């Protein structure tokens, strides 16, 4: 997710706002929220969904590996797979593969990976 001019900051207020926005997107499905001049949740989900559709169209009936950023993948996949608030507090762990399926109509996330402690 792009947070605009605040990208890369260590400012605790911006980090807190980013967490608030992610919470609004995932738990409350309020995609209008944004950090500063960054992307709205609508923009993130649209951008990521378009990318996922292009990838699946280019690789029909194939298995592909996708590497991305935790926030954008979490918000997009939680919405596409209909998981919503159930994934709050369990962001996708770094470098942990998990299955996401597209059947030509709907997306499925058979399991949501849980971070290891």
Protein backbone atom coordinates (compact mmCIF):
# COMPACT_ATOMS: atom_id res chain seq x y z
CA UNK A 1 0.00 0.00 0.00
CA UNK A 2 1.33 3.39 -0.87
CA UNK A 3 1.25 6.01 1.87
CA UNK A 4 2.39 8.88 -0.36
CA UNK A 5 4.77 11.48 0.94
CA UNK A 6 5.00 9.66 4.29
CA UNK A 7 6.53 6.56 2.64
CA UNK A 8 9.58 5.32 4.54
CA UNK A 9 9.03 7.48 7.62
CA UNK A 10 9.74 6.30 11.13
CA UNK A 11 7.30 8.81 12.63
CA UNK A 12 5.26 7.00 15.31
CA UNK A 13 2.15 9.04 14.43
CA UNK A 14 2.30 7.92 10.80
CA UNK A 15 2.86 4.32 11.84
CA UNK A 16 -0.15 4.53 14.18
CA UNK A 17 -2.27 6.04 11.41
CA UNK A 18 -1.18 3.26 9.05
CA UNK A 19 -2.33 0.66 11.59
CA UNK A 20 -5.66 2.51 11.98
CA UNK A 21 -6.17 2.54 8.22
CA UNK A 22 -5.40 -1.17 7.87
CA UNK A 23 -7.83 -1.90 10.70
CA UNK A 24 -10.53 0.17 8.98
CA UNK A 25 -9.94 -1.61 5.67
CA UNK A 26 -9.88 -5.15 7.01
CA UNK A 27 -12.20 -5.14 10.02
CA UNK A 28 -14.73 -2.45 9.06
CA UNK A 29 -14.46 -2.81 5.27
CA UNK A 30 -14.00 1.00 5.13
CA UNK A 31 -11.85 1.28 2.03
CA UNK A 32 -12.18 5.07 1.81
CA UNK A 33 -9.54 5.55 4.52
CA UNK A 34 -5.96 6.49 3.60
CA UNK A 35 -2.69 7.53 5.18
CA UNK A 36 -1.89 11.15 4.29
CA UNK A 37 -1.91 11.42 0.49
CA UNK A 38 -1.53 7.67 -0.02
CA UNK A 39 -3.79 5.12 -1.64
CA UNK A 40 -7.29 4.36 -0.46
CA UNK A 41 -8.21 0.76 0.19
CA UNK A 42 -10.28 0.88 -3.01
CA UNK A 43 -7.15 1.78 -4.98
CA UNK A 44 -5.07 -0.97 -3.37
CA UNK A 45 -7.71 -3.65 -3.94
CA UNK A 46 -8.29 -2.54 -7.53
CA UNK A 47 -4.56 -2.45 -8.33
CA UNK A 48 -3.89 -5.82 -6.73
CA UNK A 49 -6.99 -7.51 -8.19
CA UNK A 50 -6.02 -6.31 -11.66
CA UNK A 51 -2.52 -7.74 -11.19
CA UNK A 52 -3.89 -11.07 -9.96
CA UNK A 53 -6.29 -11.28 -12.90
CA UNK A 54 -3.47 -10.58 -15.36
CA UNK A 55 -1.29 -13.24 -13.79
CA UNK A 56 -4.03 -15.88 -13.86
CA UNK A 57 -4.94 -15.00 -17.46
CA UNK A 58 -1.30 -15.35 -18.52
CA UNK A 59 -0.96 -18.73 -16.80
CA UNK A 60 -4.20 -20.67 -17.25
CA UNK A 61 -4.24 -24.04 -15.48
CA UNK A 62 -0.80 -23.39 -14.02
CA UNK A 63 0.50 -22.89 -10.52
CA UNK A 64 2.47 -19.70 -10.04
CA UNK A 65 4.37 -18.19 -7.14
CA UNK A 66 3.52 -14.62 -6.23
CA UNK A 67 5.68 -12.45 -4.01
CA UNK A 68 4.30 -9.20 -2.68
CA UNK A 69 3.89 -6.91 0.29
CA UNK A 70 2.07 -8.04 3.43
CA UNK A 71 -0.38 -5.12 3.68
CA UNK A 72 -1.54 -5.09 0.06
CA UNK A 73 -1.80 -8.89 -0.11
CA UNK A 74 -3.62 -9.10 3.23
CA UNK A 75 -6.28 -6.53 2.35
CA UNK A 76 -6.79 -7.83 -1.19
CA UNK A 77 -6.84 -11.55 -0.47
CA UNK A 78 -8.98 -11.14 2.63
CA UNK A 79 -11.58 -9.36 0.50
CA UNK A 80 -11.33 -11.62 -2.54
CA UNK A 81 -11.57 -14.75 -0.40
CA UNK A 82 -14.36 -13.31 1.76
CA UNK A 83 -12.38 -13.54 4.98
CA UNK A 84 -12.64 -9.94 6.21
CA UNK A 85 -12.17 -9.32 9.92
CA UNK A 86 -11.25 -12.95 10.57
CA UNK A 87 -7.67 -12.23 9.39
CA UNK A 88 -7.17 -9.15 11.59
CA UNK A 89 -4.24 -9.78 13.91
CA UNK A 90 -2.86 -12.49 11.66
CA UNK A 91 -1.12 -10.69 8.80
CA UNK A 92 0.54 -12.86 6.23
CA UNK A 93 3.90 -14.00 7.55
CA UNK A 94 6.95 -13.04 5.54
CA UNK A 95 8.26 -15.63 3.07
CA UNK A 96 5.62 -18.21 3.98
CA UNK A 97 3.94 -19.80 0.96
CA UNK A 98 0.23 -20.56 1.05
CA UNK A 99 -2.36 -21.60 -1.48
CA UNK A 100 -4.78 -19.20 -3.14
CA UNK A 101 -7.01 -20.57 -5.88
CA UNK A 102 -8.93 -18.98 -8.76
CA UNK A 103 -11.57 -21.15 -10.41
CA UNK A 104 -12.43 -18.63 -13.09
CA UNK A 105 -15.24 -17.16 -10.99
CA UNK A 106 -14.17 -16.90 -7.37
CA UNK A 107 -11.02 -16.74 -5.27
CA UNK A 108 -10.44 -19.21 -2.45
CA UNK A 109 -7.92 -19.10 0.35
CA UNK A 110 -8.34 -22.62 1.81
CA UNK A 111 -6.20 -21.72 4.81
CA UNK A 112 -4.84 -18.44 6.09
CA UNK A 113 -1.28 -18.85 7.32
CA UNK A 114 -0.68 -18.00 10.94
CA UNK A 115 2.63 -16.43 11.97
CA UNK A 116 4.94 -18.75 13.85
CA UNK A 117 6.13 -17.55 17.22
